[in-house]
């Protein structure tokens, strides 16, 4: 609990030195968050959905998640997990971007269905 309290305090006061140390560890380093690599990748995907990230931004956490043992179902499940918190508009917007990062082109699939 002490580490968590210290982290919350440092973040709350915008401790630049602390933030720089955490960011310097890189995204692949789960020790800063206390999450394993898979959970960290899924959390990053959820954050990208919430902020309306572009398609290329999904590539790294999707690759990290898959490499750490996340299934495609778990990665897609993040869309459903964040839906109540961020709303349908963000989730609907993110779905084709996340799909592309997983190697699935929703638009192309829809065109084939229409044709």
PDB file of N, CA and C in Angstrom:
ATOM      1  N   UNK A   1       0.822  -1.202   0.000  1.00  0.00           N
ATOM      2  CA  UNK A   1       0.000   0.000   0.000  1.00  0.00           C
ATOM      3  C   UNK A   1       0.865   1.263   0.000  1.00  0.00           C
ATOM      4  N   UNK A   2       2.019   1.189   0.660  1.00  0.00           N
ATOM      5  CA  UNK A   2       2.884   2.365   0.721  1.00  0.00           C
ATOM      6  C   UNK A   2       3.327   2.823  -0.660  1.00  0.00           C
ATOM      7  N   UNK A   3       3.691   1.860  -1.530  1.00  0.00           N
ATOM      8  CA  UNK A   3       4.096   2.217  -2.888  1.00  0.00           C
ATOM      9  C   UNK A   3       2.945   2.861  -3.646  1.00  0.00           C
ATOM     10  N   UNK A   4       1.749   2.325  -3.476  1.00  0.00           N
ATOM     11  CA  UNK A   4       0.579   2.874  -4.160  1.00  0.00           C
ATOM     12  C   UNK A   4       0.271   4.282  -3.682  1.00  0.00           C
ATOM     13  N   UNK A   5       0.369   4.484  -2.386  1.00  0.00           N
ATOM     14  CA  UNK A   5       0.111   5.812  -1.821  1.00  0.00           C
ATOM     15  C   UNK A   5       1.150   6.802  -2.317  1.00  0.00           C
ATOM     16  N   UNK A   6       2.404   6.370  -2.365  1.00  0.00           N
ATOM     17  CA  UNK A   6       3.469   7.239  -2.863  1.00  0.00           C
ATOM     18  C   UNK A   6       3.237   7.584  -4.339  1.00  0.00           C
ATOM     19  N   UNK A   7       2.853   6.587  -5.126  1.00  0.00           N
ATOM     20  CA  UNK A   7       2.573   6.829  -6.541  1.00  0.00           C
ATOM     21  C   UNK A   7       1.427   7.804  -6.712  1.00  0.00           C
ATOM     22  N   UNK A   8       0.341   7.615  -5.979  1.00  0.00           N
ATOM     23  CA  UNK A   8      -0.808   8.530  -6.071  1.00  0.00           C
ATOM     24  C   UNK A   8      -0.399   9.956  -5.703  1.00  0.00           C
ATOM     25  N   UNK A   9       0.394  10.080  -4.648  1.00  0.00           N
ATOM     26  CA  UNK A   9       0.832  11.409  -4.224  1.00  0.00           C
ATOM     27  C   UNK A   9       1.695  12.053  -5.294  1.00  0.00           C
ATOM     28  N   UNK A  10       2.645  11.305  -5.830  1.00  0.00           N
ATOM     29  CA  UNK A  10       3.545  11.860  -6.846  1.00  0.00           C
ATOM     30  C   UNK A  10       2.792  12.261  -8.116  1.00  0.00           C
ATOM     31  N   UNK A  11       1.810  11.463  -8.492  1.00  0.00           N
ATOM     32  CA  UNK A  11       1.005  11.810  -9.664  1.00  0.00           C
ATOM     33  C   UNK A  11       0.130  13.026  -9.377  1.00  0.00           C
ATOM     34  N   UNK A  12      -0.450  13.072  -8.194  1.00  0.00           N
ATOM     35  CA  UNK A  12      -1.339  14.180  -7.837  1.00  0.00           C
ATOM     36  C   UNK A  12      -0.610  15.526  -7.818  1.00  0.00           C
ATOM     37  N   UNK A  13       0.664  15.510  -7.453  1.00  0.00           N
ATOM     38  CA  UNK A  13       1.413  16.776  -7.414  1.00  0.00           C
ATOM     39  C   UNK A  13       2.193  17.015  -8.706  1.00  0.00           C
ATOM     40  N   UNK A  14       1.992  16.130  -9.665  1.00  0.00           N
ATOM     41  CA  UNK A  14       2.673  16.233 -10.968  1.00  0.00           C
ATOM     42  C   UNK A  14       4.187  16.300 -10.776  1.00  0.00           C
ATOM     43  N   UNK A  15       4.712  15.293 -10.091  1.00  0.00           N
ATOM     44  CA  UNK A  15       6.146  15.174  -9.825  1.00  0.00           C
ATOM     45  C   UNK A  15       6.859  14.840 -11.136  1.00  0.00           C
ATOM     46  N   UNK A  16       7.453  15.855 -11.756  1.00  0.00           N
ATOM     47  CA  UNK A  16       8.085  15.679 -13.069  1.00  0.00           C
ATOM     48  C   UNK A  16       9.188  14.630 -13.058  1.00  0.00           C
ATOM     49  N   UNK A  17      10.005  14.602 -12.025  1.00  0.00           N
ATOM     50  CA  UNK A  17      11.092  13.625 -11.964  1.00  0.00           C
ATOM     51  C   UNK A  17      10.534  12.202 -11.921  1.00  0.00           C
ATOM     52  N   UNK A  18       9.466  11.996 -11.148  1.00  0.00           N
ATOM     53  CA  UNK A  18       8.823  10.686 -11.068  1.00  0.00           C
ATOM     54  C   UNK A  18       8.253  10.283 -12.423  1.00  0.00           C
ATOM     55  N   UNK A  19       7.542  11.209 -13.068  1.00  0.00           N
ATOM     56  CA  UNK A  19       6.945  10.922 -14.380  1.00  0.00           C
ATOM     57  C   UNK A  19       8.020  10.580 -15.404  1.00  0.00           C
ATOM     58  N   UNK A  20       9.112  11.312 -15.390  1.00  0.00           N
ATOM     59  CA  UNK A  20      10.201  11.045 -16.332  1.00  0.00           C
ATOM     60  C   UNK A  20      10.808   9.663 -16.105  1.00  0.00           C
ATOM     61  N   UNK A  21      10.969   9.266 -14.822  1.00  0.00           N
ATOM     62  CA  UNK A  21      11.515   7.935 -14.519  1.00  0.00           C
ATOM     63  C   UNK A  21      10.575   6.838 -15.025  1.00  0.00           C
ATOM     64  N   UNK A  22       9.280   7.020 -14.813  1.00  0.00           N
ATOM     65  CA  UNK A  22       8.315   6.014 -15.262  1.00  0.00           C
ATOM     66  C   UNK A  22       8.320   5.930 -16.781  1.00  0.00           C
ATOM     67  N   UNK A  23       8.275   7.074 -17.446  1.00  0.00           N
ATOM     68  CA  UNK A  23       8.254   7.074 -18.914  1.00  0.00           C
ATOM     69  C   UNK A  23       9.553   6.532 -19.500  1.00  0.00           C
ATOM     70  N   UNK A  24      10.668   6.749 -18.823  1.00  0.00           N
ATOM     71  CA  UNK A  24      11.957   6.266 -19.306  1.00  0.00           C
ATOM     72  C   UNK A  24      12.025   4.738 -19.294  1.00  0.00           C
ATOM     73  N   UNK A  25      11.235   4.114 -18.447  1.00  0.00           N
ATOM     74  CA  UNK A  25      11.217   2.646 -18.388  1.00  0.00           C
ATOM     75  C   UNK A  25      10.618   2.042 -19.649  1.00  0.00           C
ATOM     76  N   UNK A  26       9.805   2.792 -20.342  1.00  0.00           N
ATOM     77  CA  UNK A  26       9.208   2.318 -21.587  1.00  0.00           C
ATOM     78  C   UNK A  26       7.902   1.596 -21.355  1.00  0.00           C
ATOM     79  N   UNK A  27       7.152   1.427 -22.449  1.00  0.00           N
ATOM     80  CA  UNK A  27       5.833   0.813 -22.368  1.00  0.00           C
ATOM     81  C   UNK A  27       5.897  -0.684 -22.099  1.00  0.00           C
ATOM     82  N   UNK A  28       6.987  -1.318 -22.467  1.00  0.00           N
ATOM     83  CA  UNK A  28       7.078  -2.752 -22.272  1.00  0.00           C
ATOM     84  C   UNK A  28       7.465  -3.158 -20.866  1.00  0.00           C
ATOM     85  N   UNK A  29       7.730  -2.211 -20.012  1.00  0.00           N
ATOM     86  CA  UNK A  29       8.191  -2.493 -18.659  1.00  0.00           C
ATOM     87  C   UNK A  29       7.011  -2.478 -17.689  1.00  0.00           C
ATOM     88  N   UNK A  30       6.514  -3.644 -17.309  1.00  0.00           N
ATOM     89  CA  UNK A  30       5.347  -3.671 -16.435  1.00  0.00           C
ATOM     90  C   UNK A  30       5.639  -3.328 -14.978  1.00  0.00           C
ATOM     91  N   UNK A  31       6.895  -3.268 -14.583  1.00  0.00           N
ATOM     92  CA  UNK A  31       7.191  -3.046 -13.173  1.00  0.00           C
ATOM     93  C   UNK A  31       6.679  -1.702 -12.663  1.00  0.00           C
ATOM     94  N   UNK A  32       6.609  -0.711 -13.512  1.00  0.00           N
ATOM     95  CA  UNK A  32       6.127   0.595 -13.068  1.00  0.00           C
ATOM     96  C   UNK A  32       4.661   0.540 -12.676  1.00  0.00           C
ATOM     97  N   UNK A  33       3.865  -0.225 -13.404  1.00  0.00           N
ATOM     98  CA  UNK A  33       2.432  -0.269 -13.151  1.00  0.00           C
ATOM     99  C   UNK A  33       2.046  -1.360 -12.163  1.00  0.00           C
ATOM    100  N   UNK A  34       2.875  -2.360 -12.005  1.00  0.00           N
ATOM    101  CA  UNK A  34       2.510  -3.493 -11.174  1.00  0.00           C
ATOM    102  C   UNK A  34       1.634  -4.492 -11.915  1.00  0.00           C
ATOM    103  N   UNK A  35       1.337  -4.212 -13.174  1.00  0.00           N
ATOM    104  CA  UNK A  35       0.538  -5.113 -13.998  1.00  0.00           C
ATOM    105  C   UNK A  35       1.469  -6.010 -14.805  1.00  0.00           C
ATOM    106  N   UNK A  36       1.006  -7.213 -15.111  1.00  0.00           N
ATOM    107  CA  UNK A  36       1.808  -8.037 -16.003  1.00  0.00           C
ATOM    108  C   UNK A  36       1.679  -7.483 -17.424  1.00  0.00           C
ATOM    109  N   UNK A  37       2.489  -7.976 -18.326  1.00  0.00           N
ATOM    110  CA  UNK A  37       2.543  -7.434 -19.688  1.00  0.00           C
ATOM    111  C   UNK A  37       1.200  -7.521 -20.392  1.00  0.00           C
ATOM    112  N   UNK A  38       0.495  -8.609 -20.213  1.00  0.00           N
ATOM    113  CA  UNK A  38      -0.821  -8.784 -20.843  1.00  0.00           C
ATOM    114  C   UNK A  38      -1.823  -7.768 -20.314  1.00  0.00           C
ATOM    115  N   UNK A  39      -1.916  -7.639 -19.006  1.00  0.00           N
ATOM    116  CA  UNK A  39      -2.860  -6.684 -18.406  1.00  0.00           C
ATOM    117  C   UNK A  39      -2.507  -5.258 -18.791  1.00  0.00           C
ATOM    118  N   UNK A  40      -1.217  -4.963 -18.846  1.00  0.00           N
ATOM    119  CA  UNK A  40      -0.780  -3.625 -19.235  1.00  0.00           C
ATOM    120  C   UNK A  40      -1.180  -3.324 -20.676  1.00  0.00           C
ATOM    121  N   UNK A  41      -1.022  -4.280 -21.571  1.00  0.00           N
ATOM    122  CA  UNK A  41      -1.405  -4.085 -22.972  1.00  0.00           C
ATOM    123  C   UNK A  41      -2.906  -3.853 -23.088  1.00  0.00           C
ATOM    124  N   UNK A  42      -3.702  -4.633 -22.361  1.00  0.00           N
ATOM    125  CA  UNK A  42      -5.152  -4.465 -22.406  1.00  0.00           C
ATOM    126  C   UNK A  42      -5.561  -3.105 -21.838  1.00  0.00           C
ATOM    127  N   UNK A  43      -4.896  -2.664 -20.782  1.00  0.00           N
ATOM    128  CA  UNK A  43      -5.187  -1.343 -20.217  1.00  0.00           C
ATOM    129  C   UNK A  43      -4.844  -0.242 -21.214  1.00  0.00           C
ATOM    130  N   UNK A  44      -3.713  -0.389 -21.891  1.00  0.00           N
ATOM    131  CA  UNK A  44      -3.324   0.609 -22.901  1.00  0.00           C
ATOM    132  C   UNK A  44      -4.326   0.653 -24.036  1.00  0.00           C
ATOM    133  N   UNK A  45      -4.822  -0.505 -24.462  1.00  0.00           N
ATOM    134  CA  UNK A  45      -5.834  -0.541 -25.523  1.00  0.00           C
ATOM    135  C   UNK A  45      -7.090   0.190 -25.053  1.00  0.00           C
ATOM    136  N   UNK A  46      -7.507  -0.057 -23.829  1.00  0.00           N
ATOM    137  CA  UNK A  46      -8.676   0.637 -23.287  1.00  0.00           C
ATOM    138  C   UNK A  46      -8.486   2.142 -23.271  1.00  0.00           C
ATOM    139  N   UNK A  47      -7.301   2.579 -22.909  1.00  0.00           N
ATOM    140  CA  UNK A  47      -7.021   4.020 -22.888  1.00  0.00           C
ATOM    141  C   UNK A  47      -7.043   4.598 -24.298  1.00  0.00           C
ATOM    142  N   UNK A  48      -6.497   3.872 -25.258  1.00  0.00           N
ATOM    143  CA  UNK A  48      -6.504   4.348 -26.640  1.00  0.00           C
ATOM    144  C   UNK A  48      -7.927   4.474 -27.173  1.00  0.00           C
ATOM    145  N   UNK A  49      -8.774   3.520 -26.827  1.00  0.00           N
ATOM    146  CA  UNK A  49     -10.179   3.600 -27.223  1.00  0.00           C
ATOM    147  C   UNK A  49     -10.807   4.852 -26.619  1.00  0.00           C
ATOM    148  N   UNK A  50     -10.541   5.092 -25.346  1.00  0.00           N
ATOM    149  CA  UNK A  50     -11.149   6.218 -24.637  1.00  0.00           C
ATOM    150  C   UNK A  50     -10.748   7.571 -25.206  1.00  0.00           C
ATOM    151  N   UNK A  51      -9.516   7.679 -25.686  1.00  0.00           N
ATOM    152  CA  UNK A  51      -9.052   8.979 -26.182  1.00  0.00           C
ATOM    153  C   UNK A  51      -9.239   9.153 -27.682  1.00  0.00           C
ATOM    154  N   UNK A  52      -9.785   8.139 -28.351  1.00  0.00           N
ATOM    155  CA  UNK A  52     -10.006   8.254 -29.795  1.00  0.00           C
ATOM    156  C   UNK A  52      -8.730   8.188 -30.600  1.00  0.00           C
ATOM    157  N   UNK A  53      -7.845   7.282 -30.242  1.00  0.00           N
ATOM    158  CA  UNK A  53      -6.542   7.164 -30.900  1.00  0.00           C
ATOM    159  C   UNK A  53      -6.680   6.760 -32.371  1.00  0.00           C
ATOM    160  N   UNK A  54      -5.626   7.028 -33.118  1.00  0.00           N
ATOM    161  CA  UNK A  54      -5.590   6.653 -34.532  1.00  0.00           C
ATOM    162  C   UNK A  54      -5.193   5.177 -34.670  1.00  0.00           C
ATOM    163  N   UNK A  55      -5.440   4.632 -35.819  1.00  0.00           N
ATOM    164  CA  UNK A  55      -5.182   3.207 -36.069  1.00  0.00           C
ATOM    165  C   UNK A  55      -3.742   2.794 -35.744  1.00  0.00           C
ATOM    166  N   UNK A  56      -2.721   3.505 -36.197  1.00  0.00           N
ATOM    167  CA  UNK A  56      -1.353   3.048 -35.922  1.00  0.00           C
ATOM    168  C   UNK A  56      -1.015   2.956 -34.426  1.00  0.00           C
ATOM    169  N   UNK A  57      -1.687   3.749 -33.612  1.00  0.00           N
ATOM    170  CA  UNK A  57      -1.393   3.730 -32.181  1.00  0.00           C
ATOM    171  C   UNK A  57      -1.809   2.420 -31.510  1.00  0.00           C
ATOM    172  N   UNK A  58      -2.690   1.674 -32.147  1.00  0.00           N
ATOM    173  CA  UNK A  58      -3.141   0.393 -31.595  1.00  0.00           C
ATOM    174  C   UNK A  58      -2.131  -0.729 -31.839  1.00  0.00           C
ATOM    175  N   UNK A  59      -1.270  -0.571 -32.818  1.00  0.00           N
ATOM    176  CA  UNK A  59      -0.389  -1.665 -33.237  1.00  0.00           C
ATOM    177  C   UNK A  59       0.490  -2.190 -32.099  1.00  0.00           C
ATOM    178  N   UNK A  60       1.204  -1.317 -31.416  1.00  0.00           N
ATOM    179  CA  UNK A  60       2.135  -1.761 -30.387  1.00  0.00           C
ATOM    180  C   UNK A  60       1.451  -2.476 -29.228  1.00  0.00           C
ATOM    181  N   UNK A  61       0.391  -1.914 -28.633  1.00  0.00           N
ATOM    182  CA  UNK A  61      -0.223  -2.650 -27.530  1.00  0.00           C
ATOM    183  C   UNK A  61      -0.919  -3.934 -27.971  1.00  0.00           C
ATOM    184  N   UNK A  62      -1.457  -3.966 -29.182  1.00  0.00           N
ATOM    185  CA  UNK A  62      -2.061  -5.204 -29.685  1.00  0.00           C
ATOM    186  C   UNK A  62      -0.979  -6.268 -29.851  1.00  0.00           C
ATOM    187  N   UNK A  63       0.144  -5.904 -30.459  1.00  0.00           N
ATOM    188  CA  UNK A  63       1.246  -6.850 -30.622  1.00  0.00           C
ATOM    189  C   UNK A  63       1.772  -7.320 -29.269  1.00  0.00           C
ATOM    190  N   UNK A  64       1.924  -6.383 -28.326  1.00  0.00           N
ATOM    191  CA  UNK A  64       2.401  -6.743 -26.985  1.00  0.00           C
ATOM    192  C   UNK A  64       1.414  -7.678 -26.289  1.00  0.00           C
ATOM    193  N   UNK A  65       0.136  -7.362 -26.410  1.00  0.00           N
ATOM    194  CA  UNK A  65      -0.885  -8.197 -25.779  1.00  0.00           C
ATOM    195  C   UNK A  65      -0.890  -9.608 -26.338  1.00  0.00           C
ATOM    196  N   UNK A  66      -0.855  -9.725 -27.661  1.00  0.00           N
ATOM    197  CA  UNK A  66      -0.836 -11.049 -28.282  1.00  0.00           C
ATOM    198  C   UNK A  66       0.414 -11.831 -27.881  1.00  0.00           C
ATOM    199  N   UNK A  67       1.550 -11.151 -27.875  1.00  0.00           N
ATOM    200  CA  UNK A  67       2.807 -11.802 -27.496  1.00  0.00           C
ATOM    201  C   UNK A  67       2.790 -12.255 -26.038  1.00  0.00           C
ATOM    202  N   UNK A  68       2.032 -11.543 -25.199  1.00  0.00           N
ATOM    203  CA  UNK A  68       1.955 -11.881 -23.775  1.00  0.00           C
ATOM    204  C   UNK A  68       0.849 -12.890 -23.475  1.00  0.00           C
ATOM    205  N   UNK A  69       0.163 -13.362 -24.528  1.00  0.00           N
ATOM    206  CA  UNK A  69      -0.834 -14.394 -24.312  1.00  0.00           C
ATOM    207  C   UNK A  69      -2.283 -13.947 -24.339  1.00  0.00           C
ATOM    208  N   UNK A  70      -2.527 -12.674 -24.627  1.00  0.00           N
ATOM    209  CA  UNK A  70      -3.913 -12.218 -24.751  1.00  0.00           C
ATOM    210  C   UNK A  70      -4.513 -12.825 -26.012  1.00  0.00           C
ATOM    211  N   UNK A  71      -5.750 -13.244 -25.917  1.00  0.00           N
ATOM    212  CA  UNK A  71      -6.429 -13.769 -27.093  1.00  0.00           C
ATOM    213  C   UNK A  71      -7.071 -12.617 -27.858  1.00  0.00           C
ATOM    214  N   UNK A  72      -7.400 -12.877 -29.107  1.00  0.00           N
ATOM    215  CA  UNK A  72      -8.123 -11.872 -29.893  1.00  0.00           C
ATOM    216  C   UNK A  72      -9.446 -11.551 -29.204  1.00  0.00           C
ATOM    217  N   UNK A  73     -10.099 -12.565 -28.652  1.00  0.00           N
ATOM    218  CA  UNK A  73     -11.361 -12.332 -27.942  1.00  0.00           C
ATOM    219  C   UNK A  73     -11.177 -11.388 -26.750  1.00  0.00           C
ATOM    220  N   UNK A  74     -10.080 -11.537 -26.023  1.00  0.00           N
ATOM    221  CA  UNK A  74      -9.823 -10.643 -24.888  1.00  0.00           C
ATOM    222  C   UNK A  74      -9.565  -9.217 -25.364  1.00  0.00           C
ATOM    223  N   UNK A  75      -8.813  -9.084 -26.443  1.00  0.00           N
ATOM    224  CA  UNK A  75      -8.514  -7.752 -26.968  1.00  0.00           C
ATOM    225  C   UNK A  75      -9.789  -7.079 -27.446  1.00  0.00           C
ATOM    226  N   UNK A  76     -10.611  -7.803 -28.183  1.00  0.00           N
ATOM    227  CA  UNK A  76     -11.885  -7.250 -28.643  1.00  0.00           C
ATOM    228  C   UNK A  76     -12.804  -7.004 -27.448  1.00  0.00           C
ATOM    229  N   UNK A  77     -12.712  -7.833 -26.437  1.00  0.00           N
ATOM    230  CA  UNK A  77     -13.513  -7.666 -25.226  1.00  0.00           C
ATOM    231  C   UNK A  77     -13.275  -6.344 -24.515  1.00  0.00           C
ATOM    232  N   UNK A  78     -12.098  -5.763 -24.723  1.00  0.00           N
ATOM    233  CA  UNK A  78     -11.820  -4.449 -24.130  1.00  0.00           C
ATOM    234  C   UNK A  78     -12.833  -3.419 -24.639  1.00  0.00           C
ATOM    235  N   UNK A  79     -13.228  -3.518 -25.900  1.00  0.00           N
ATOM    236  CA  UNK A  79     -14.246  -2.607 -26.442  1.00  0.00           C
ATOM    237  C   UNK A  79     -15.529  -2.680 -25.614  1.00  0.00           C
ATOM    238  N   UNK A  80     -15.940  -3.886 -25.295  1.00  0.00           N
ATOM    239  CA  UNK A  80     -17.164  -4.063 -24.516  1.00  0.00           C
ATOM    240  C   UNK A  80     -16.972  -3.650 -23.059  1.00  0.00           C
ATOM    241  N   UNK A  81     -15.771  -3.873 -22.536  1.00  0.00           N
ATOM    242  CA  UNK A  81     -15.498  -3.513 -21.145  1.00  0.00           C
ATOM    243  C   UNK A  81     -15.551  -2.011 -20.915  1.00  0.00           C
ATOM    244  N   UNK A  82     -15.094  -1.227 -21.894  1.00  0.00           N
ATOM    245  CA  UNK A  82     -15.074   0.228 -21.717  1.00  0.00           C
ATOM    246  C   UNK A  82     -16.365   0.901 -22.178  1.00  0.00           C
ATOM    247  N   UNK A  83     -17.217   0.167 -22.869  1.00  0.00           N
ATOM    248  CA  UNK A  83     -18.458   0.731 -23.401  1.00  0.00           C
ATOM    249  C   UNK A  83     -19.294   1.480 -22.362  1.00  0.00           C
ATOM    250  N   UNK A  84     -19.561   0.918 -21.183  1.00  0.00           N
ATOM    251  CA  UNK A  84     -20.378   1.660 -20.214  1.00  0.00           C
ATOM    252  C   UNK A  84     -19.720   2.951 -19.714  1.00  0.00           C
ATOM    253  N   UNK A  85     -18.401   2.986 -19.733  1.00  0.00           N
ATOM    254  CA  UNK A  85     -17.687   4.161 -19.214  1.00  0.00           C
ATOM    255  C   UNK A  85     -17.530   5.275 -20.237  1.00  0.00           C
ATOM    256  N   UNK A  86     -17.321   4.912 -21.501  1.00  0.00           N
ATOM    257  CA  UNK A  86     -17.007   5.942 -22.497  1.00  0.00           C
ATOM    258  C   UNK A  86     -18.077   6.133 -23.550  1.00  0.00           C
ATOM    259  N   UNK A  87     -19.020   5.207 -23.638  1.00  0.00           N
ATOM    260  CA  UNK A  87     -20.131   5.372 -24.562  1.00  0.00           C
ATOM    261  C   UNK A  87     -19.916   4.713 -25.909  1.00  0.00           C
ATOM    262  N   UNK A  88     -21.032   4.555 -26.594  1.00  0.00           N
ATOM    263  CA  UNK A  88     -21.044   3.831 -27.861  1.00  0.00           C
ATOM    264  C   UNK A  88     -20.270   4.548 -28.962  1.00  0.00           C
ATOM    265  N   UNK A  89     -20.328   5.868 -29.010  1.00  0.00           N
ATOM    266  CA  UNK A  89     -19.658   6.592 -30.097  1.00  0.00           C
ATOM    267  C   UNK A  89     -18.168   6.287 -30.153  1.00  0.00           C
ATOM    268  N   UNK A  90     -17.483   6.335 -29.010  1.00  0.00           N
ATOM    269  CA  UNK A  90     -16.039   6.050 -28.978  1.00  0.00           C
ATOM    270  C   UNK A  90     -15.755   4.603 -29.336  1.00  0.00           C
ATOM    271  N   UNK A  91     -16.586   3.704 -28.830  1.00  0.00           N
ATOM    272  CA  UNK A  91     -16.369   2.283 -29.082  1.00  0.00           C
ATOM    273  C   UNK A  91     -16.601   1.956 -30.557  1.00  0.00           C
ATOM    274  N   UNK A  92     -17.667   2.488 -31.128  1.00  0.00           N
ATOM    275  CA  UNK A  92     -17.957   2.249 -32.544  1.00  0.00           C
ATOM    276  C   UNK A  92     -16.843   2.820 -33.417  1.00  0.00           C
ATOM    277  N   UNK A  93     -16.335   3.981 -33.049  1.00  0.00           N
ATOM    278  CA  UNK A  93     -15.240   4.596 -33.796  1.00  0.00           C
ATOM    279  C   UNK A  93     -13.955   3.774 -33.688  1.00  0.00           C
ATOM    280  N   UNK A  94     -13.730   3.179 -32.526  1.00  0.00           N
ATOM    281  CA  UNK A  94     -12.497   2.429 -32.292  1.00  0.00           C
ATOM    282  C   UNK A  94     -12.515   1.037 -32.912  1.00  0.00           C
ATOM    283  N   UNK A  95     -13.684   0.454 -33.086  1.00  0.00           N
ATOM    284  CA  UNK A  95     -13.770  -0.942 -33.532  1.00  0.00           C
ATOM    285  C   UNK A  95     -13.013  -1.213 -34.837  1.00  0.00           C
ATOM    286  N   UNK A  96     -13.211  -0.426 -35.899  1.00  0.00           N
ATOM    287  CA  UNK A  96     -12.459  -0.731 -37.132  1.00  0.00           C
ATOM    288  C   UNK A  96     -10.961  -0.470 -36.994  1.00  0.00           C
ATOM    289  N   UNK A  97     -10.575   0.455 -36.141  1.00  0.00           N
ATOM    290  CA  UNK A  97      -9.147   0.726 -35.921  1.00  0.00           C
ATOM    291  C   UNK A  97      -8.489  -0.450 -35.207  1.00  0.00           C
ATOM    292  N   UNK A  98      -9.168  -0.932 -34.176  1.00  0.00           N
ATOM    293  CA  UNK A  98      -8.652  -2.088 -33.449  1.00  0.00           C
ATOM    294  C   UNK A  98      -8.637  -3.318 -34.350  1.00  0.00           C
ATOM    295  N   UNK A  99      -9.664  -3.459 -35.155  1.00  0.00           N
ATOM    296  CA  UNK A  99      -9.723  -4.584 -36.097  1.00  0.00           C
ATOM    297  C   UNK A  99      -8.527  -4.574 -37.042  1.00  0.00           C
ATOM    298  N   UNK A 100      -8.192  -3.412 -37.583  1.00  0.00           N
ATOM    299  CA  UNK A 100      -7.034  -3.318 -38.472  1.00  0.00           C
ATOM    300  C   UNK A 100      -5.750  -3.712 -37.760  1.00  0.00           C
ATOM    301  N   UNK A 101      -5.613  -3.302 -36.508  1.00  0.00           N
ATOM    302  CA  UNK A 101      -4.421  -3.672 -35.739  1.00  0.00           C
ATOM    303  C   UNK A 101      -4.352  -5.183 -35.527  1.00  0.00           C
ATOM    304  N   UNK A 102      -5.512  -5.829 -35.559  1.00  0.00           N
ATOM    305  CA  UNK A 102      -5.577  -7.286 -35.434  1.00  0.00           C
ATOM    306  C   UNK A 102      -5.500  -7.993 -36.790  1.00  0.00           C
ATOM    307  N   UNK A 103      -5.398  -7.209 -37.878  1.00  0.00           N
ATOM    308  CA  UNK A 103      -5.273  -7.785 -39.202  1.00  0.00           C
ATOM    309  C   UNK A 103      -6.598  -8.049 -39.899  1.00  0.00           C
ATOM    310  N   UNK A 104      -7.661  -7.428 -39.408  1.00  0.00           N
ATOM    311  CA  UNK A 104      -8.990  -7.629 -39.996  1.00  0.00           C
ATOM    312  C   UNK A 104      -9.523  -6.295 -40.481  1.00  0.00           C
ATOM    313  N   UNK A 105      -9.836  -6.199 -41.759  1.00  0.00           N
ATOM    314  CA  UNK A 105     -10.353  -4.964 -42.349  1.00  0.00           C
ATOM    315  C   UNK A 105     -11.881  -5.027 -42.398  1.00  0.00           C
ATOM    316  N   UNK A 106     -12.526  -4.361 -41.471  1.00  0.00           N
ATOM    317  CA  UNK A 106     -13.983  -4.377 -41.371  1.00  0.00           C
ATOM    318  C   UNK A 106     -14.620  -3.812 -42.631  1.00  0.00           C
ATOM    319  N   UNK A 107     -14.100  -2.700 -43.132  1.00  0.00           N
ATOM    320  CA  UNK A 107     -14.673  -2.080 -44.333  1.00  0.00           C
ATOM    321  C   UNK A 107     -14.616  -3.028 -45.525  1.00  0.00           C
ATOM    322  N   UNK A 108     -13.502  -3.685 -45.705  1.00  0.00           N
ATOM    323  CA  UNK A 108     -13.357  -4.636 -46.815  1.00  0.00           C
ATOM    324  C   UNK A 108     -14.339  -5.804 -46.656  1.00  0.00           C
ATOM    325  N   UNK A 109     -14.469  -6.286 -45.440  1.00  0.00           N
ATOM    326  CA  UNK A 109     -15.395  -7.391 -45.187  1.00  0.00           C
ATOM    327  C   UNK A 109     -16.839  -6.971 -45.473  1.00  0.00           C
ATOM    328  N   UNK A 110     -17.194  -5.755 -45.114  1.00  0.00           N
ATOM    329  CA  UNK A 110     -18.544  -5.266 -45.371  1.00  0.00           C
ATOM    330  C   UNK A 110     -18.800  -5.106 -46.879  1.00  0.00           C
ATOM    331  N   UNK A 111     -17.788  -4.639 -47.598  1.00  0.00           N
ATOM    332  CA  UNK A 111     -17.914  -4.507 -49.060  1.00  0.00           C
ATOM    333  C   UNK A 111     -18.132  -5.867 -49.709  1.00  0.00           C
ATOM    334  N   UNK A 112     -17.433  -6.872 -49.229  1.00  0.00           N
ATOM    335  CA  UNK A 112     -17.592  -8.216 -49.785  1.00  0.00           C
ATOM    336  C   UNK A 112     -18.987  -8.764 -49.514  1.00  0.00           C
ATOM    337  N   UNK A 113     -19.528  -8.437 -48.347  1.00  0.00           N
ATOM    338  CA  UNK A 113     -20.879  -8.876 -48.028  1.00  0.00           C
ATOM    339  C   UNK A 113     -21.927  -8.215 -48.929  1.00  0.00           C
ATOM    340  N   UNK A 114     -21.673  -6.941 -49.255  1.00  0.00           N
ATOM    341  CA  UNK A 114     -22.603  -6.210 -50.109  1.00  0.00           C
ATOM    342  C   UNK A 114     -22.526  -6.676 -51.559  1.00  0.00           C
ATOM    343  N   UNK A 115     -21.352  -7.130 -51.969  1.00  0.00           N
ATOM    344  CA  UNK A 115     -21.112  -7.520 -53.354  1.00  0.00           C
ATOM    345  C   UNK A 115     -21.504  -8.921 -53.591  1.00  0.00           C
TER     346      UNK A 115
END
